[in-house]
Amino acid sequence: MARPPTAAQRRVIDAADPVTGRLKGTDAQLAALVARGLAFRHPRPPHDHFLTPAGHRIREGADVQPPPEPAAPTAAGAFAARVGGEEQAPESGPARAREVHSAWQGLLELRRMTNPDGATDRPCAWERTHLVQAAALALEAAGHRPSGAEPADGYRVRATPQPEAVAVYEAAAEARRACATTLERAGWQVGEHTEPRTGNRYLLASPRRT
């Protein structure tokens, strides 16, 4: 189990900007928080440091441990969105809802900081290299229900052979249309298709560039 942050690290976390998560501290303190997956260093000058979702949860007092390895400098680096069909899915409830909300807000902030024009209405570079997780986070954050381990109602996000595209499976037509609306609002291009062999309907979604 990962160790909790030290008292000095906790003071730096508690003093972070409540909206952006921007941090102030010594180089050693900030580097230690990055190594623990609680902060990331912005790639563009002046290379400020910001809290990751795990860092935000500690600041908010949630009883959540940071990851044992350094998290990627992303909004979703400290947790996994539900893609649907997991054998051991995280329990739903208030704690999970806080995690999802924090991750989604962090992703929007990452868009603002890394998209050239600061836009938050379309996916950023991280999402284009983590398509399944990005699409799943958009769906889970909007309140859609992922499917369980056994085939049933609920969404499933899966990779596809096509570049920058994921497939979203949802048996219920109304729920499938709702998933499409959510992804479009999150900056994805979405089309509905039919599998030739099975006749199953699914969504094909790609991050919008403009």
Protein backbone atom coordinates (compact mmCIF):
# COMPACT_ATOMS: atom_id res chain seq x y z
CA MET A 1 0.00 0.00 0.00
CA ALA A 2 1.34 3.45 -0.89
CA ARG A 3 2.49 5.64 1.98
CA PRO A 4 0.48 8.79 2.70
CA PRO A 5 2.14 12.10 1.87
CA THR A 6 4.46 13.62 4.44
CA ALA A 7 3.37 16.58 6.52
CA ALA A 8 5.37 18.95 4.30
CA GLN A 9 3.90 17.44 1.15
CA ARG A 10 0.42 17.68 2.62
CA ARG A 11 0.91 21.39 3.32
CA VAL A 12 1.87 21.95 -0.32
CA ILE A 13 -1.21 19.98 -1.44
CA ASP A 14 -3.53 21.86 0.92
CA ALA A 15 -2.21 25.20 -0.37
CA ALA A 16 -2.92 24.34 -4.03
CA ASP A 17 -5.24 26.57 -6.01
CA PRO A 18 -8.74 25.17 -5.38
CA VAL A 19 -9.80 25.52 -9.02
CA THR A 20 -6.75 24.76 -11.14
CA GLY A 21 -4.77 22.70 -8.64
CA ARG A 22 -1.67 24.82 -9.27
CA LEU A 23 1.06 24.13 -6.73
CA LYS A 24 3.76 26.20 -5.08
CA GLY A 25 6.72 24.67 -3.26
CA THR A 26 10.39 23.89 -3.46
CA ASP A 27 11.76 21.94 -6.42
CA ALA A 28 12.32 18.95 -4.15
CA GLN A 29 8.76 19.03 -2.78
CA LEU A 30 7.21 19.31 -6.23
CA ALA A 31 9.42 16.55 -7.65
CA ALA A 32 8.42 14.28 -4.78
CA LEU A 33 4.73 14.89 -5.43
CA VAL A 34 5.24 14.09 -9.13
CA ALA A 35 7.05 10.87 -8.23
CA ARG A 36 4.11 9.85 -6.03
CA GLY A 37 1.56 10.51 -8.76
CA LEU A 38 0.02 13.43 -6.87
CA ALA A 39 1.19 16.18 -9.22
CA PHE A 40 2.36 16.69 -12.78
CA ARG A 41 4.66 19.24 -14.41
CA HIS A 42 3.11 21.20 -17.25
CA PRO A 43 5.03 20.58 -20.50
CA ARG A 44 4.93 24.22 -21.58
CA PRO A 45 6.78 27.16 -19.97
CA PRO A 46 6.76 28.25 -17.22
CA HIS A 47 6.40 24.51 -16.40
CA ASP A 48 4.18 24.99 -13.38
CA HIS A 49 3.07 22.00 -11.32
CA PHE A 50 -0.56 20.95 -10.85
CA LEU A 51 -2.40 18.35 -8.79
CA THR A 52 -3.45 15.11 -10.44
CA PRO A 53 -6.91 13.69 -9.58
CA ALA A 54 -5.25 11.69 -6.78
CA GLY A 55 -3.77 14.89 -5.40
CA HIS A 56 -7.14 16.63 -5.58
CA ARG A 57 -8.77 13.77 -3.68
CA ILE A 58 -6.21 14.03 -0.90
CA ARG A 59 -6.76 17.77 -0.75
CA GLU A 60 -10.52 17.22 -0.53
CA GLY A 61 -10.05 14.71 2.28
CA ALA A 62 -11.24 11.61 0.40
CA ASP A 63 -9.87 8.37 1.77
CA VAL A 64 -8.10 7.33 -1.42
CA GLN A 65 -4.52 6.12 -1.76
CA PRO A 66 -2.30 7.44 -4.57
CA PRO A 67 -1.02 4.94 -7.14
CA PRO A 68 2.17 3.02 -6.26
CA GLU A 69 3.90 4.19 -9.46
CA PRO A 70 4.21 7.69 -10.89
CA ALA A 71 1.08 8.70 -12.72
CA ALA A 72 1.26 10.06 -16.22
CA PRO A 73 0.81 13.83 -16.41
CA THR A 74 -2.84 13.48 -17.26
CA ALA A 75 -6.22 14.05 -15.79
CA ALA A 76 -7.05 10.38 -15.73
CA GLY A 77 -3.63 9.06 -14.77
CA ALA A 78 -4.54 8.11 -11.21
CA PHE A 79 -7.63 6.03 -11.83
CA ALA A 80 -9.29 3.88 -14.48
CA ALA A 81 -12.62 4.78 -16.02
CA ARG A 82 -15.16 1.99 -16.42
CA VAL A 83 -14.94 0.64 -19.96
CA GLY A 84 -17.61 -2.00 -19.31
CA GLY A 85 -17.30 -5.76 -18.95
CA GLU A 86 -14.66 -5.73 -16.19
CA GLU A 87 -14.33 -8.92 -14.16
CA GLN A 88 -13.61 -6.91 -11.01
CA ALA A 89 -15.23 -3.53 -11.37
CA PRO A 90 -14.92 -0.83 -8.70
CA GLU A 91 -17.92 -0.46 -6.44
CA SER A 92 -20.38 2.27 -7.31
CA GLY A 93 -21.29 4.83 -4.70
CA PRO A 94 -20.35 8.31 -3.46
CA ALA A 95 -16.61 7.59 -3.38
CA ARG A 96 -16.62 6.38 -6.98
CA ALA A 97 -18.74 9.35 -8.04
CA ARG A 98 -16.18 11.71 -6.49
CA GLU A 99 -13.35 9.95 -8.31
CA VAL A 100 -15.12 10.15 -11.66
CA HIS A 101 -16.08 13.80 -11.18
CA SER A 102 -12.53 14.72 -10.17
CA ALA A 103 -11.04 12.85 -13.15
CA TRP A 104 -13.42 14.51 -15.59
CA GLN A 105 -12.76 17.99 -14.22
CA GLY A 106 -9.05 17.24 -14.38
CA LEU A 107 -9.37 16.17 -18.00
CA LEU A 108 -11.15 19.40 -18.89
CA GLU A 109 -8.33 21.32 -17.21
CA LEU A 110 -5.80 19.26 -19.16
CA ARG A 111 -7.59 20.21 -22.37
CA ARG A 112 -7.44 23.86 -21.41
CA MET A 113 -3.74 23.69 -20.67
CA THR A 114 -2.59 21.57 -23.61
CA ASN A 115 -4.87 22.42 -26.55
CA PRO A 116 -3.13 25.22 -28.49
CA ASP A 117 -6.12 27.55 -28.18
CA GLY A 118 -7.05 26.47 -24.66
CA ALA A 119 -10.31 24.90 -25.86
CA THR A 120 -12.10 22.50 -23.51
CA ASP A 121 -14.80 21.41 -25.97
CA ARG A 122 -12.62 18.98 -27.91
CA PRO A 123 -10.20 16.17 -26.92
CA CYS A 124 -6.53 16.83 -26.25
CA ALA A 125 -3.42 14.89 -27.21
CA TRP A 126 -3.61 12.58 -24.19
CA GLU A 127 -7.08 11.45 -25.19
CA ARG A 128 -5.89 10.60 -28.70
CA THR A 129 -3.34 8.21 -27.23
CA HIS A 130 -5.76 6.76 -24.64
CA LEU A 131 -8.92 6.48 -26.74
CA VAL A 132 -10.75 3.79 -24.80
CA GLN A 133 -10.12 5.37 -21.39
CA ALA A 134 -10.99 8.85 -22.68
CA ALA A 135 -14.30 7.80 -24.22
CA ALA A 136 -15.17 5.68 -21.18
CA LEU A 137 -14.47 8.59 -18.84
CA ALA A 138 -16.78 10.87 -20.83
CA LEU A 139 -19.55 8.27 -20.61
CA GLU A 140 -19.09 7.42 -16.94
CA ALA A 141 -18.84 11.09 -15.96
CA ALA A 142 -22.16 11.74 -17.70
CA GLY A 143 -23.86 9.04 -15.66
CA HIS A 144 -24.13 6.25 -18.23
CA ARG A 145 -24.09 2.75 -16.80
CA PRO A 146 -21.25 0.42 -17.86
CA SER A 147 -22.04 -3.23 -18.41
CA GLY A 148 -20.92 -5.90 -15.97
CA ALA A 149 -18.78 -8.96 -16.58
CA GLU A 150 -21.69 -10.81 -18.20
CA PRO A 151 -23.29 -9.45 -21.39
CA ALA A 152 -26.15 -7.21 -20.33
CA ASP A 153 -27.44 -3.70 -20.71
CA GLY A 154 -24.79 -1.05 -20.29
CA TYR A 155 -22.04 0.37 -22.44
CA ARG A 156 -18.78 -1.29 -23.43
CA VAL A 157 -15.97 0.73 -24.99
CA ARG A 158 -13.51 -1.22 -27.12
CA ALA A 159 -10.51 -0.47 -29.31
CA THR A 160 -10.82 -0.88 -33.07
CA PRO A 161 -8.35 -1.46 -35.92
CA GLN A 162 -9.16 2.02 -37.21
CA PRO A 163 -6.81 4.83 -36.17
CA GLU A 164 -8.24 7.20 -33.56
CA ALA A 165 -11.54 5.36 -33.26
CA VAL A 166 -13.27 3.33 -30.58
CA ALA A 167 -16.40 1.22 -30.69
CA VAL A 168 -19.12 1.71 -28.10
CA TYR A 169 -21.55 -1.19 -27.68
CA GLU A 170 -24.91 -0.67 -26.01
CA ALA A 171 -27.77 -3.06 -26.72
CA ALA A 172 -30.59 -0.65 -25.85
CA ALA A 173 -31.25 1.72 -28.75
CA GLU A 174 -32.29 4.65 -26.55
CA ALA A 175 -29.25 4.25 -24.30
CA ARG A 176 -27.02 3.95 -27.36
CA ARG A 177 -28.36 7.23 -28.73
CA ALA A 178 -27.80 8.85 -25.33
CA CYS A 179 -24.18 7.65 -25.38
CA ALA A 180 -23.75 9.18 -28.81
CA THR A 181 -25.11 12.51 -27.58
CA THR A 182 -22.74 12.50 -24.60
CA LEU A 183 -19.70 11.76 -26.75
CA GLU A 184 -20.63 14.44 -29.27
CA ARG A 185 -20.96 16.99 -26.46
CA ALA A 186 -17.56 15.86 -25.18
CA GLY A 187 -15.96 16.65 -28.55
CA TRP A 188 -16.17 13.31 -30.36
CA GLN A 189 -17.43 12.55 -33.85
CA VAL A 190 -19.90 9.70 -33.63
CA GLY A 191 -21.60 7.47 -36.18
CA GLU A 192 -23.82 4.42 -35.74
CA HIS A 193 -23.01 1.22 -37.61
CA THR A 194 -24.07 -2.41 -37.89
CA GLU A 195 -21.76 -5.41 -37.56
CA PRO A 196 -22.17 -7.45 -40.77
CA ARG A 197 -21.88 -10.85 -39.12
CA THR A 198 -23.98 -10.29 -35.99
CA GLY A 199 -26.28 -7.46 -36.97
CA ASN A 200 -25.45 -5.72 -33.69
CA ARG A 201 -25.59 -1.94 -33.70
CA TYR A 202 -22.68 0.01 -32.26
CA LEU A 203 -21.17 3.50 -32.20
CA LEU A 204 -17.87 4.40 -33.83
CA ALA A 205 -16.39 7.45 -32.14
CA SER A 206 -13.30 9.53 -32.95
CA PRO A 207 -11.88 12.62 -31.21
CA ARG A 208 -12.81 15.80 -33.05
CA ARG A 209 -9.86 17.95 -34.14
CA THR A 210 -11.64 21.26 -34.79
